[in-house]
Amino acid sequence: MLYSPAKLFWLFLSCIVLFVNYNNSGFVTAANSIGLNYGLLGNNLPPPSTVINLFKSLNVTKIRIFNPNTEVLNALRGRREFQVMVGVRDEELDHLKSNEENVREWFKNNIEPYLADVNIAFITVGNEVIPGNYGDFVLPVMRSLTNLVKSRNLPISISTVVAMKNLAQSYPPSNGTFTSLGRKQLVPVLQLLSQTRTPILVNIYPYFAYAEDPKSIRLDYATFDARTVVVQDRQLGYSNLFDAIFDAFVWAMEKEGVKGLPMVVSETGWPSAGNGSLTTPDIAGTYNRNFVQHIRSGKGTPKRPNNGMDGYIFATFNENKKPAGVEQNFGLYNPSDMKPIYKLF
């Protein structure tokens, strides 16, 4: 079969952007890539077209947006080098869980218009709603969306984003177990993801664990700067808190019979202000630079060594409509002038 030069170009580009590796369970996972969360809770943010050009200049090709924002998606038209993760708003889950027709209507209005020229790789059903009041709505919406994209043979993965509040225990990592509500709402979702061979998306923030107990947790352990093992867990040694949290979630999944399920780190980061000496540009820059290096190394975690993962840093900009304090200060850039708060890439 002969391909046009344009077709050959896109095939070549896809081989680069969609590089994958196969783990022992046969799941397909994207390997060692860094993405950025593109939040929009600010009244002084630059226009989306400018932001997309920023991502291009940084060689960042994975973007997560928290809802199907039309301005952002329109700015991404024709920029298929970017893989986009689009969220379903939490407040829509109650309506969407009712029947598949509601889901089809949502898809028609929010995703369908962009299929031809935007590379939508993931749809995320809810952001940190498990465990919680919306948690029971996630599974039926995921099933409906999975059925829809499968019926149309669309290369879109359906998953959800969860926080570590699902863990009842996490120390040491081998003690990782889910809360009772986490087990009820999350485990069926994990089982569905195992069936569809799709990663679970997890938000991991060593900052919050460190800020809660800075006397007991070493800063170098929290920021990937420790050079020796800090926590020994059976035969596994941990020199950073991120790996320990990640593996605690893996242990919890395995105790529920879910083994080999890939995890994409949908959020991590460190605020550069808002909590005194714990949140400086220097510390934030250290954490995020080390995180990028950790992901790109492909070395994985002690429990999953040499197992590539994707990681998304939170967030692109400081967002002034978020709650005051650290929540407004996770950004890599000041939105007013787009200057970096510290050097990352």
C-alpha atoms as a PDB file:
ATOM      1  CA  MET A   1       0.000   0.000   0.000  1.00  0.00           C
ATOM      2  CA  LEU A   2       1.363   3.440  -0.954  1.00  0.00           C
ATOM      3  CA  TYR A   3       0.994   6.386   1.424  1.00  0.00           C
ATOM      4  CA  SER A   4       1.120  10.081   0.632  1.00  0.00           C
ATOM      5  CA  PRO A   5       4.024  12.086   2.104  1.00  0.00           C
ATOM      6  CA  ALA A   6       1.600  13.652   4.618  1.00  0.00           C
ATOM      7  CA  LYS A   7       0.367  10.223   5.704  1.00  0.00           C
ATOM      8  CA  LEU A   8       3.929   8.964   6.088  1.00  0.00           C
ATOM      9  CA  PHE A   9       4.756  12.027   8.205  1.00  0.00           C
ATOM     10  CA  TRP A  10       1.874  11.366  10.603  1.00  0.00           C
ATOM     11  CA  LEU A  11       2.758   7.684  10.850  1.00  0.00           C
ATOM     12  CA  PHE A  12       6.334   8.614  11.739  1.00  0.00           C
ATOM     13  CA  LEU A  13       5.182  11.223  14.258  1.00  0.00           C
ATOM     14  CA  SER A  14       2.798   8.721  15.862  1.00  0.00           C
ATOM     15  CA  CYS A  15       5.661   6.292  16.353  1.00  0.00           C
ATOM     16  CA  ILE A  16       7.512   8.975  18.313  1.00  0.00           C
ATOM     17  CA  VAL A  17       4.644  10.434  20.325  1.00  0.00           C
ATOM     18  CA  LEU A  18       2.875   7.183  21.078  1.00  0.00           C
ATOM     19  CA  PHE A  19       5.954   5.172  22.088  1.00  0.00           C
ATOM     20  CA  VAL A  20       4.790   2.341  24.324  1.00  0.00           C
ATOM     21  CA  ASN A  21       6.206  -0.482  26.359  1.00  0.00           C
ATOM     22  CA  TYR A  22       4.643  -3.734  27.432  1.00  0.00           C
ATOM     23  CA  ASN A  23       4.805  -4.782  31.050  1.00  0.00           C
ATOM     24  CA  ASN A  24       4.707  -8.356  32.243  1.00  0.00           C
ATOM     25  CA  SER A  25       0.914  -8.453  32.424  1.00  0.00           C
ATOM     26  CA  GLY A  26       0.548  -7.473  28.773  1.00  0.00           C
ATOM     27  CA  PHE A  27      -0.908  -4.014  29.404  1.00  0.00           C
ATOM     28  CA  VAL A  28       0.165  -1.291  27.006  1.00  0.00           C
ATOM     29  CA  THR A  29       1.414   1.846  28.717  1.00  0.00           C
ATOM     30  CA  ALA A  30       2.936   5.099  27.528  1.00  0.00           C
ATOM     31  CA  ALA A  31       6.512   5.262  28.685  1.00  0.00           C
ATOM     32  CA  ASN A  32       8.455   7.917  30.570  1.00  0.00           C
ATOM     33  CA  SER A  33       6.620  10.998  29.283  1.00  0.00           C
ATOM     34  CA  ILE A  34       6.011  14.285  31.094  1.00  0.00           C
ATOM     35  CA  GLY A  35       2.735  16.159  30.652  1.00  0.00           C
ATOM     36  CA  LEU A  36       1.250  19.315  32.148  1.00  0.00           C
ATOM     37  CA  ASN A  37      -2.067  20.035  33.804  1.00  0.00           C
ATOM     38  CA  TYR A  38      -3.649  23.075  32.162  1.00  0.00           C
ATOM     39  CA  GLY A  39      -5.980  24.589  34.739  1.00  0.00           C
ATOM     40  CA  LEU A  40      -8.214  27.544  33.963  1.00  0.00           C
ATOM     41  CA  LEU A  41      -9.244  28.880  37.382  1.00  0.00           C
ATOM     42  CA  GLY A  42      -7.768  32.327  36.887  1.00  0.00           C
ATOM     43  CA  ASN A  43      -8.923  35.678  35.507  1.00  0.00           C
ATOM     44  CA  ASN A  44      -5.537  36.714  34.149  1.00  0.00           C
ATOM     45  CA  LEU A  45      -4.559  33.678  32.092  1.00  0.00           C
ATOM     46  CA  PRO A  46      -3.019  34.027  28.621  1.00  0.00           C
ATOM     47  CA  PRO A  47      -5.139  32.955  25.628  1.00  0.00           C
ATOM     48  CA  PRO A  48      -5.150  29.204  24.897  1.00  0.00           C
ATOM     49  CA  SER A  49      -3.365  29.611  21.548  1.00  0.00           C
ATOM     50  CA  THR A  50      -0.449  31.246  23.362  1.00  0.00           C
ATOM     51  CA  VAL A  51      -0.398  28.477  25.959  1.00  0.00           C
ATOM     52  CA  ILE A  52      -0.365  25.750  23.314  1.00  0.00           C
ATOM     53  CA  ASN A  53       2.651  27.439  21.720  1.00  0.00           C
ATOM     54  CA  LEU A  54       4.311  27.468  25.153  1.00  0.00           C
ATOM     55  CA  PHE A  55       3.792  23.707  25.426  1.00  0.00           C
ATOM     56  CA  LYS A  56       5.314  23.270  21.977  1.00  0.00           C
ATOM     57  CA  SER A  57       8.363  25.326  22.937  1.00  0.00           C
ATOM     58  CA  LEU A  58       8.825  23.075  25.985  1.00  0.00           C
ATOM     59  CA  ASN A  59       8.479  19.889  23.912  1.00  0.00           C
ATOM     60  CA  VAL A  60       5.544  18.900  26.111  1.00  0.00           C
ATOM     61  CA  THR A  61       3.106  16.834  24.058  1.00  0.00           C
ATOM     62  CA  LYS A  62       0.725  15.629  26.783  1.00  0.00           C
ATOM     63  CA  ILE A  63      -1.879  18.021  28.163  1.00  0.00           C
ATOM     64  CA  ARG A  64      -4.601  17.480  30.735  1.00  0.00           C
ATOM     65  CA  ILE A  65      -7.645  19.763  30.878  1.00  0.00           C
ATOM     66  CA  PHE A  66     -10.282  19.346  33.557  1.00  0.00           C
ATOM     67  CA  ASN A  67     -13.322  19.825  31.336  1.00  0.00           C
ATOM     68  CA  PRO A  68     -14.046  20.021  27.592  1.00  0.00           C
ATOM     69  CA  ASN A  69     -13.251  23.726  27.358  1.00  0.00           C
ATOM     70  CA  THR A  70     -14.126  24.901  23.859  1.00  0.00           C
ATOM     71  CA  GLU A  71     -11.467  27.629  23.663  1.00  0.00           C
ATOM     72  CA  VAL A  72      -8.691  25.209  24.564  1.00  0.00           C
ATOM     73  CA  LEU A  73      -9.949  22.453  22.270  1.00  0.00           C
ATOM     74  CA  ASN A  74     -10.349  24.894  19.384  1.00  0.00           C
ATOM     75  CA  ALA A  75      -6.769  26.076  19.942  1.00  0.00           C
ATOM     76  CA  LEU A  76      -5.660  22.456  19.626  1.00  0.00           C
ATOM     77  CA  ARG A  77      -7.308  21.910  16.242  1.00  0.00           C
ATOM     78  CA  GLY A  78      -4.787  20.635  13.740  1.00  0.00           C
ATOM     79  CA  ARG A  79      -2.164  20.150  16.485  1.00  0.00           C
ATOM     80  CA  ARG A  80      -2.358  16.386  16.626  1.00  0.00           C
ATOM     81  CA  GLU A  81       1.144  16.109  18.018  1.00  0.00           C
ATOM     82  CA  PHE A  82      -0.477  16.884  21.373  1.00  0.00           C
ATOM     83  CA  GLN A  83      -2.197  14.063  23.270  1.00  0.00           C
ATOM     84  CA  VAL A  84      -5.070  15.532  25.261  1.00  0.00           C
ATOM     85  CA  MET A  85      -6.726  14.243  28.417  1.00  0.00           C
ATOM     86  CA  VAL A  86     -10.247  15.702  28.774  1.00  0.00           C
ATOM     87  CA  GLY A  87     -12.232  15.552  32.019  1.00  0.00           C
ATOM     88  CA  VAL A  88     -15.940  15.087  32.615  1.00  0.00           C
ATOM     89  CA  ARG A  89     -17.080  17.677  35.152  1.00  0.00           C
ATOM     90  CA  ASP A  90     -17.834  16.140  38.543  1.00  0.00           C
ATOM     91  CA  GLU A  91     -21.216  17.852  38.759  1.00  0.00           C
ATOM     92  CA  GLU A  92     -22.342  16.191  35.513  1.00  0.00           C
ATOM     93  CA  LEU A  93     -21.850  12.633  36.755  1.00  0.00           C
ATOM     94  CA  ASP A  94     -25.251  12.339  38.440  1.00  0.00           C
ATOM     95  CA  HIS A  95     -27.027  13.169  35.182  1.00  0.00           C
ATOM     96  CA  LEU A  96     -24.755  11.018  33.038  1.00  0.00           C
ATOM     97  CA  LYS A  97     -25.060   7.926  35.203  1.00  0.00           C
ATOM     98  CA  SER A  98     -28.807   7.696  34.494  1.00  0.00           C
ATOM     99  CA  ASN A  99     -28.606   6.110  31.049  1.00  0.00           C
ATOM    100  CA  GLU A 100     -26.374   5.718  28.027  1.00  0.00           C
ATOM    101  CA  GLU A 101     -28.403   8.222  26.001  1.00  0.00           C
ATOM    102  CA  ASN A 102     -27.267  11.009  28.331  1.00  0.00           C
ATOM    103  CA  VAL A 103     -23.676   9.911  27.843  1.00  0.00           C
ATOM    104  CA  ARG A 104     -24.077   9.814  24.066  1.00  0.00           C
ATOM    105  CA  GLU A 105     -25.469  13.358  24.149  1.00  0.00           C
ATOM    106  CA  TRP A 106     -22.553  14.548  26.284  1.00  0.00           C
ATOM    107  CA  PHE A 107     -20.094  12.928  23.886  1.00  0.00           C
ATOM    108  CA  LYS A 108     -21.846  14.430  20.863  1.00  0.00           C
ATOM    109  CA  ASN A 109     -21.698  17.932  22.325  1.00  0.00           C
ATOM    110  CA  ASN A 110     -18.258  17.879  23.944  1.00  0.00           C
ATOM    111  CA  ILE A 111     -16.021  15.403  22.119  1.00  0.00           C
ATOM    112  CA  GLU A 112     -17.515  14.704  18.693  1.00  0.00           C
ATOM    113  CA  PRO A 113     -16.785  18.174  17.228  1.00  0.00           C
ATOM    114  CA  TYR A 114     -13.043  17.700  17.809  1.00  0.00           C
ATOM    115  CA  LEU A 115     -12.452  14.095  16.787  1.00  0.00           C
ATOM    116  CA  ALA A 116     -11.238  14.957  13.302  1.00  0.00           C
ATOM    117  CA  ASP A 117      -8.428  17.317  14.276  1.00  0.00           C
ATOM    118  CA  VAL A 118      -7.721  17.031  18.024  1.00  0.00           C
ATOM    119  CA  ASN A 119      -5.858  14.023  19.434  1.00  0.00           C
ATOM    120  CA  ILE A 120      -8.067  13.182  22.425  1.00  0.00           C
ATOM    121  CA  ALA A 121      -6.310  10.247  24.095  1.00  0.00           C
ATOM    122  CA  PHE A 122      -8.151  10.032  27.451  1.00  0.00           C
ATOM    123  CA  ILE A 123     -11.530  10.945  28.871  1.00  0.00           C
ATOM    124  CA  THR A 124     -11.421  11.105  32.663  1.00  0.00           C
ATOM    125  CA  VAL A 125     -14.668  10.424  34.506  1.00  0.00           C
ATOM    126  CA  GLY A 126     -14.497  12.539  37.629  1.00  0.00           C
ATOM    127  CA  ASN A 127     -11.545  14.078  39.464  1.00  0.00           C
ATOM    128  CA  GLU A 128     -10.905  12.684  42.950  1.00  0.00           C
ATOM    129  CA  VAL A 129     -14.593  11.878  43.512  1.00  0.00           C
ATOM    130  CA  ILE A 130     -13.802   8.365  44.773  1.00  0.00           C
ATOM    131  CA  PRO A 131     -14.343   7.934  47.673  1.00  0.00           C
ATOM    132  CA  GLY A 132     -17.251  10.317  48.132  1.00  0.00           C
ATOM    133  CA  ASN A 133     -20.818  11.264  47.294  1.00  0.00           C
ATOM    134  CA  TYR A 134     -20.180  11.144  43.552  1.00  0.00           C
ATOM    135  CA  GLY A 135     -18.094   7.993  43.765  1.00  0.00           C
ATOM    136  CA  ASP A 136     -20.898   5.566  42.906  1.00  0.00           C
ATOM    137  CA  PHE A 137     -21.585   7.461  39.671  1.00  0.00           C
ATOM    138  CA  VAL A 138     -18.133   6.855  38.169  1.00  0.00           C
ATOM    139  CA  LEU A 139     -18.477   3.189  37.212  1.00  0.00           C
ATOM    140  CA  PRO A 140     -21.728   3.429  35.202  1.00  0.00           C
ATOM    141  CA  VAL A 141     -20.484   6.502  33.306  1.00  0.00           C
ATOM    142  CA  MET A 142     -17.181   4.795  32.568  1.00  0.00           C
ATOM    143  CA  ARG A 143     -19.011   1.744  31.269  1.00  0.00           C
ATOM    144  CA  SER A 144     -21.228   3.830  29.006  1.00  0.00           C
ATOM    145  CA  LEU A 145     -18.306   5.805  27.589  1.00  0.00           C
ATOM    146  CA  THR A 146     -16.262   2.628  27.152  1.00  0.00           C
ATOM    147  CA  ASN A 147     -19.098   1.012  25.212  1.00  0.00           C
ATOM    148  CA  LEU A 148     -19.474   4.132  23.079  1.00  0.00           C
ATOM    149  CA  VAL A 149     -15.833   4.512  22.050  1.00  0.00           C
ATOM    150  CA  LYS A 150     -15.506   0.756  21.504  1.00  0.00           C
ATOM    151  CA  SER A 151     -18.595   0.669  19.254  1.00  0.00           C
ATOM    152  CA  ARG A 152     -17.031   3.400  17.110  1.00  0.00           C
ATOM    153  CA  ASN A 153     -13.521   1.958  17.219  1.00  0.00           C
ATOM    154  CA  LEU A 154     -12.122   5.198  18.639  1.00  0.00           C
ATOM    155  CA  PRO A 155      -8.622   5.156  20.190  1.00  0.00           C
ATOM    156  CA  ILE A 156      -9.762   6.946  23.363  1.00  0.00           C
ATOM    157  CA  SER A 157      -9.073   5.491  26.805  1.00  0.00           C
ATOM    158  CA  ILE A 158     -11.712   5.888  29.525  1.00  0.00           C
ATOM    159  CA  SER A 159     -10.519   6.118  33.121  1.00  0.00           C
ATOM    160  CA  THR A 160     -10.924   8.163  36.310  1.00  0.00           C
ATOM    161  CA  VAL A 161      -8.607  10.225  38.506  1.00  0.00           C
ATOM    162  CA  VAL A 162      -8.209   9.222  42.152  1.00  0.00           C
ATOM    163  CA  ALA A 163      -6.353  10.635  45.135  1.00  0.00           C
ATOM    164  CA  MET A 164      -4.448   8.853  47.875  1.00  0.00           C
ATOM    165  CA  LYS A 165      -7.303   9.445  50.315  1.00  0.00           C
ATOM    166  CA  ASN A 166      -8.445   6.025  49.123  1.00  0.00           C
ATOM    167  CA  LEU A 167      -5.633   4.527  51.208  1.00  0.00           C
ATOM    168  CA  ALA A 168      -6.450   3.591  54.776  1.00  0.00           C
ATOM    169  CA  GLN A 169      -2.797   2.691  55.365  1.00  0.00           C
ATOM    170  CA  SER A 170       0.296   3.526  53.363  1.00  0.00           C
ATOM    171  CA  TYR A 171       3.266   3.017  55.695  1.00  0.00           C
ATOM    172  CA  PRO A 172       5.284   1.063  55.063  1.00  0.00           C
ATOM    173  CA  PRO A 173       4.176   0.631  51.441  1.00  0.00           C
ATOM    174  CA  SER A 174       3.538  -3.108  51.828  1.00  0.00           C
ATOM    175  CA  ASN A 175       0.835  -2.233  54.385  1.00  0.00           C
ATOM    176  CA  GLY A 176      -1.086  -0.333  51.718  1.00  0.00           C
ATOM    177  CA  THR A 177      -4.833  -0.981  51.962  1.00  0.00           C
ATOM    178  CA  PHE A 178      -7.936   0.851  50.791  1.00  0.00           C
ATOM    179  CA  THR A 179     -10.548   2.445  53.033  1.00  0.00           C
ATOM    180  CA  SER A 180     -13.886   0.663  53.252  1.00  0.00           C
ATOM    181  CA  LEU A 181     -15.573   3.241  51.006  1.00  0.00           C
ATOM    182  CA  GLY A 182     -12.581   3.177  48.692  1.00  0.00           C
ATOM    183  CA  ARG A 183     -12.949  -0.584  48.375  1.00  0.00           C
ATOM    184  CA  LYS A 184     -16.666  -0.276  47.628  1.00  0.00           C
ATOM    185  CA  GLN A 185     -16.369   2.466  44.990  1.00  0.00           C
ATOM    186  CA  LEU A 186     -12.872   2.017  43.585  1.00  0.00           C
ATOM    187  CA  VAL A 187     -12.295  -1.724  43.311  1.00  0.00           C
ATOM    188  CA  PRO A 188     -15.073  -2.282  40.704  1.00  0.00           C
ATOM    189  CA  VAL A 189     -13.541   0.554  38.675  1.00  0.00           C
ATOM    190  CA  LEU A 190     -10.124  -1.079  38.878  1.00  0.00           C
ATOM    191  CA  GLN A 191     -11.634  -4.362  37.742  1.00  0.00           C
ATOM    192  CA  LEU A 192     -13.203  -2.643  34.716  1.00  0.00           C
ATOM    193  CA  LEU A 193      -9.874  -1.010  33.859  1.00  0.00           C
ATOM    194  CA  SER A 194      -8.205  -4.414  34.037  1.00  0.00           C
ATOM    195  CA  GLN A 195     -10.739  -5.729  31.547  1.00  0.00           C
ATOM    196  CA  THR A 196     -10.279  -2.791  29.157  1.00  0.00           C
ATOM    197  CA  ARG A 197      -6.494  -2.752  29.667  1.00  0.00           C
ATOM    198  CA  THR A 198      -6.540   0.910  30.656  1.00  0.00           C
ATOM    199  CA  PRO A 199      -4.386   2.636  33.329  1.00  0.00           C
ATOM    200  CA  ILE A 200      -5.814   4.088  36.520  1.00  0.00           C
ATOM    201  CA  LEU A 201      -4.943   7.782  36.910  1.00  0.00           C
ATOM    202  CA  VAL A 202      -3.555   8.720  40.317  1.00  0.00           C
ATOM    203  CA  ASN A 203      -2.739  12.040  41.977  1.00  0.00           C
ATOM    204  CA  ILE A 204       0.351  11.778  44.196  1.00  0.00           C
ATOM    205  CA  TYR A 205       1.522  14.728  46.303  1.00  0.00           C
ATOM    206  CA  PRO A 206       4.453  14.103  48.656  1.00  0.00           C
ATOM    207  CA  TYR A 207       4.175  17.795  49.577  1.00  0.00           C
ATOM    208  CA  PHE A 208       0.967  17.281  51.556  1.00  0.00           C
ATOM    209  CA  ALA A 209       2.415  14.366  53.537  1.00  0.00           C
ATOM    210  CA  TYR A 210       5.535  16.392  54.276  1.00  0.00           C
ATOM    211  CA  ALA A 211       3.603  19.549  55.224  1.00  0.00           C
ATOM    212  CA  GLU A 212       1.477  17.527  57.643  1.00  0.00           C
ATOM    213  CA  ASP A 213       4.480  16.144  59.505  1.00  0.00           C
ATOM    214  CA  PRO A 214       7.734  17.934  58.588  1.00  0.00           C
ATOM    215  CA  LYS A 215       9.389  16.813  61.814  1.00  0.00           C
ATOM    216  CA  SER A 216       9.058  13.127  60.959  1.00  0.00           C
ATOM    217  CA  ILE A 217       9.522  13.264  57.185  1.00  0.00           C
ATOM    218  CA  ARG A 218      12.857  14.399  55.818  1.00  0.00           C
ATOM    219  CA  LEU A 219      12.735  17.105  53.166  1.00  0.00           C
ATOM    220  CA  ASP A 220      15.289  15.345  50.978  1.00  0.00           C
ATOM    221  CA  TYR A 221      13.147  12.193  51.136  1.00  0.00           C
ATOM    222  CA  ALA A 222      10.084  14.188  50.051  1.00  0.00           C
ATOM    223  CA  THR A 223      11.868  15.944  47.155  1.00  0.00           C
ATOM    224  CA  PHE A 224      13.814  12.990  45.624  1.00  0.00           C
ATOM    225  CA  ASP A 225      17.089  14.413  46.991  1.00  0.00           C
ATOM    226  CA  ALA A 226      17.995  11.611  49.401  1.00  0.00           C
ATOM    227  CA  ARG A 227      20.935   9.578  48.147  1.00  0.00           C
ATOM    228  CA  THR A 228      20.466   6.533  50.360  1.00  0.00           C
ATOM    229  CA  VAL A 229      17.596   4.322  51.482  1.00  0.00           C
ATOM    230  CA  VAL A 230      15.415   6.113  54.036  1.00  0.00           C
ATOM    231  CA  VAL A 231      12.625   3.536  54.461  1.00  0.00           C
ATOM    232  CA  GLN A 232      13.303  -0.192  54.305  1.00  0.00           C
ATOM    233  CA  ASP A 233      10.192  -2.249  53.635  1.00  0.00           C
ATOM    234  CA  ARG A 234      10.982  -5.961  53.606  1.00  0.00           C
ATOM    235  CA  GLN A 235      13.392  -6.424  50.700  1.00  0.00           C
ATOM    236  CA  LEU A 236      12.472  -3.075  49.110  1.00  0.00           C
ATOM    237  CA  GLY A 237      14.355   0.119  49.907  1.00  0.00           C
ATOM    238  CA  TYR A 238      12.886   3.604  49.394  1.00  0.00           C
ATOM    239  CA  SER A 239      14.924   6.767  48.922  1.00  0.00           C
ATOM    240  CA  ASN A 240      11.951   8.988  48.031  1.00  0.00           C
ATOM    241  CA  LEU A 241       8.421   9.448  49.301  1.00  0.00           C
ATOM    242  CA  PHE A 242       6.839   9.484  45.840  1.00  0.00           C
ATOM    243  CA  ASP A 243       7.829   5.874  45.172  1.00  0.00           C
ATOM    244  CA  ALA A 244       6.609   4.842  48.617  1.00  0.00           C
ATOM    245  CA  ILE A 245       3.157   6.367  48.020  1.00  0.00           C
ATOM    246  CA  PHE A 246       2.965   4.928  44.497  1.00  0.00           C
ATOM    247  CA  ASP A 247       3.851   1.436  45.699  1.00  0.00           C
ATOM    248  CA  ALA A 248       1.427   1.614  48.636  1.00  0.00           C
ATOM    249  CA  PHE A 249      -1.344   2.049  46.065  1.00  0.00           C
ATOM    250  CA  VAL A 250       0.028  -0.903  44.063  1.00  0.00           C
ATOM    251  CA  TRP A 251       0.041  -3.070  47.186  1.00  0.00           C
ATOM    252  CA  ALA A 252      -3.543  -2.032  47.984  1.00  0.00           C
ATOM    253  CA  MET A 253      -4.678  -2.981  44.468  1.00  0.00           C
ATOM    254  CA  GLU A 254      -2.974  -6.353  44.668  1.00  0.00           C
ATOM    255  CA  LYS A 255      -4.702  -7.132  47.969  1.00  0.00           C
ATOM    256  CA  GLU A 256      -7.993  -6.669  46.094  1.00  0.00           C
ATOM    257  CA  GLY A 257      -6.899  -9.083  43.359  1.00  0.00           C
ATOM    258  CA  VAL A 258      -6.005  -6.358  40.837  1.00  0.00           C
ATOM    259  CA  LYS A 259      -2.494  -7.112  39.622  1.00  0.00           C
ATOM    260  CA  GLY A 260      -0.379  -5.523  36.925  1.00  0.00           C
ATOM    261  CA  LEU A 261      -2.694  -2.565  36.323  1.00  0.00           C
ATOM    262  CA  PRO A 262      -0.633   0.398  35.025  1.00  0.00           C
ATOM    263  CA  MET A 263      -0.804   3.737  36.816  1.00  0.00           C
ATOM    264  CA  VAL A 264      -0.466   7.148  35.178  1.00  0.00           C
ATOM    265  CA  VAL A 265       0.445   9.974  37.560  1.00  0.00           C
ATOM    266  CA  SER A 266      -2.203  12.502  36.575  1.00  0.00           C
ATOM    267  CA  GLU A 267      -1.060  15.130  39.093  1.00  0.00           C
ATOM    268  CA  THR A 268       1.966  15.876  41.205  1.00  0.00           C
ATOM    269  CA  GLY A 269       3.757  19.059  42.137  1.00  0.00           C
ATOM    270  CA  TRP A 270       4.972  21.319  44.923  1.00  0.00           C
ATOM    271  CA  PRO A 271       3.730  24.873  45.694  1.00  0.00           C
ATOM    272  CA  SER A 272       6.247  27.687  45.504  1.00  0.00           C
ATOM    273  CA  ALA A 273       4.482  29.857  48.118  1.00  0.00           C
ATOM    274  CA  GLY A 274       1.621  29.827  50.606  1.00  0.00           C
ATOM    275  CA  ASN A 275       3.053  27.888  53.545  1.00  0.00           C
ATOM    276  CA  GLY A 276       6.123  29.716  54.757  1.00  0.00           C
ATOM    277  CA  SER A 277       9.497  28.011  54.556  1.00  0.00           C
ATOM    278  CA  LEU A 278       7.940  24.746  53.316  1.00  0.00           C
ATOM    279  CA  THR A 279       6.910  26.342  50.025  1.00  0.00           C
ATOM    280  CA  THR A 280       9.660  28.235  48.254  1.00  0.00           C
ATOM    281  CA  PRO A 281      10.537  28.394  44.555  1.00  0.00           C
ATOM    282  CA  ASP A 282      13.776  26.590  45.352  1.00  0.00           C
ATOM    283  CA  ILE A 283      12.055  23.621  47.017  1.00  0.00           C
ATOM    284  CA  ALA A 284       9.309  23.499  44.383  1.00  0.00           C
ATOM    285  CA  GLY A 285      11.879  23.586  41.599  1.00  0.00           C
ATOM    286  CA  THR A 286      13.918  20.849  43.246  1.00  0.00           C
ATOM    287  CA  TYR A 287      10.918  18.551  43.576  1.00  0.00           C
ATOM    288  CA  ASN A 288       9.612  19.046  40.046  1.00  0.00           C
ATOM    289  CA  ARG A 289      13.024  18.814  38.369  1.00  0.00           C
ATOM    290  CA  ASN A 290      13.740  15.603  40.244  1.00  0.00           C
ATOM    291  CA  PHE A 291      10.305  14.260  39.362  1.00  0.00           C
ATOM    292  CA  VAL A 292      10.927  14.914  35.663  1.00  0.00           C
ATOM    293  CA  GLN A 293      14.283  13.154  35.900  1.00  0.00           C
ATOM    294  CA  HIS A 294      12.702  10.239  37.775  1.00  0.00           C
ATOM    295  CA  ILE A 295      10.009   9.745  35.142  1.00  0.00           C
ATOM    296  CA  ARG A 296      12.363  10.111  32.198  1.00  0.00           C
ATOM    297  CA  SER A 297      14.824   7.636  33.698  1.00  0.00           C
ATOM    298  CA  GLY A 298      12.307   4.818  33.263  1.00  0.00           C
ATOM    299  CA  LYS A 299      13.613   3.107  36.397  1.00  0.00           C
ATOM    300  CA  GLY A 300      10.141   2.794  37.918  1.00  0.00           C
ATOM    301  CA  THR A 301       9.658   2.137  41.632  1.00  0.00           C
ATOM    302  CA  PRO A 302      11.060  -0.530  43.982  1.00  0.00           C
ATOM    303  CA  LYS A 303       7.949  -2.673  43.570  1.00  0.00           C
ATOM    304  CA  ARG A 304       7.720  -2.026  39.821  1.00  0.00           C
ATOM    305  CA  PRO A 305      11.344  -1.619  38.715  1.00  0.00           C
ATOM    306  CA  ASN A 306      12.167  -0.690  35.118  1.00  0.00           C
ATOM    307  CA  ASN A 307       8.489  -0.011  34.475  1.00  0.00           C
ATOM    308  CA  GLY A 308       7.898   3.208  32.553  1.00  0.00           C
ATOM    309  CA  MET A 309       5.126   5.585  33.548  1.00  0.00           C
ATOM    310  CA  ASP A 310       3.691   8.901  32.425  1.00  0.00           C
ATOM    311  CA  GLY A 311       3.556  11.829  34.836  1.00  0.00           C
ATOM    312  CA  TYR A 312       1.647  15.127  34.656  1.00  0.00           C
ATOM    313  CA  ILE A 313       2.875  18.103  36.688  1.00  0.00           C
ATOM    314  CA  PHE A 314       0.329  20.323  38.372  1.00  0.00           C
ATOM    315  CA  ALA A 315       0.087  22.993  37.148  1.00  0.00           C
ATOM    316  CA  THR A 316       1.007  25.227  34.228  1.00  0.00           C
ATOM    317  CA  PHE A 317       0.008  28.542  35.876  1.00  0.00           C
ATOM    318  CA  ASN A 318      -0.690  29.990  39.278  1.00  0.00           C
ATOM    319  CA  GLU A 319      -4.494  30.300  39.290  1.00  0.00           C
ATOM    320  CA  ASN A 320      -5.862  33.214  41.306  1.00  0.00           C
ATOM    321  CA  LYS A 321      -9.451  31.929  41.470  1.00  0.00           C
ATOM    322  CA  LYS A 322      -8.427  28.880  43.470  1.00  0.00           C
ATOM    323  CA  PRO A 323      -8.505  28.985  47.299  1.00  0.00           C
ATOM    324  CA  ALA A 324      -5.919  31.347  48.756  1.00  0.00           C
ATOM    325  CA  GLY A 325      -2.652  29.861  50.007  1.00  0.00           C
ATOM    326  CA  VAL A 326      -0.828  26.914  48.519  1.00  0.00           C
ATOM    327  CA  GLU A 327      -3.667  26.108  46.104  1.00  0.00           C
ATOM    328  CA  GLN A 328      -2.902  29.301  44.162  1.00  0.00           C
ATOM    329  CA  ASN A 329       0.813  28.589  43.988  1.00  0.00           C
ATOM    330  CA  PHE A 330       1.366  25.252  42.250  1.00  0.00           C
ATOM    331  CA  GLY A 331       2.048  26.893  38.877  1.00  0.00           C
ATOM    332  CA  LEU A 332       5.248  26.734  36.888  1.00  0.00           C
ATOM    333  CA  TYR A 333       4.559  30.140  35.311  1.00  0.00           C
ATOM    334  CA  ASN A 334       3.138  33.489  36.279  1.00  0.00           C
ATOM    335  CA  PRO A 335       0.092  33.977  34.050  1.00  0.00           C
ATOM    336  CA  SER A 336       0.430  37.743  33.637  1.00  0.00           C
ATOM    337  CA  ASP A 337       3.822  37.676  31.896  1.00  0.00           C
ATOM    338  CA  MET A 338       4.329  33.904  31.354  1.00  0.00           C
ATOM    339  CA  LYS A 339       7.686  34.059  33.080  1.00  0.00           C
ATOM    340  CA  PRO A 340       8.801  30.868  34.865  1.00  0.00           C
ATOM    341  CA  ILE A 341       8.658  30.927  38.634  1.00  0.00           C
ATOM    342  CA  TYR A 342      11.722  28.650  38.627  1.00  0.00           C
ATOM    343  CA  LYS A 343      13.629  26.747  35.977  1.00  0.00           C
ATOM    344  CA  LEU A 344      12.177  23.329  35.174  1.00  0.00           C
ATOM    345  CA  PHE A 345      12.773  22.275  31.571  1.00  0.00           C
END
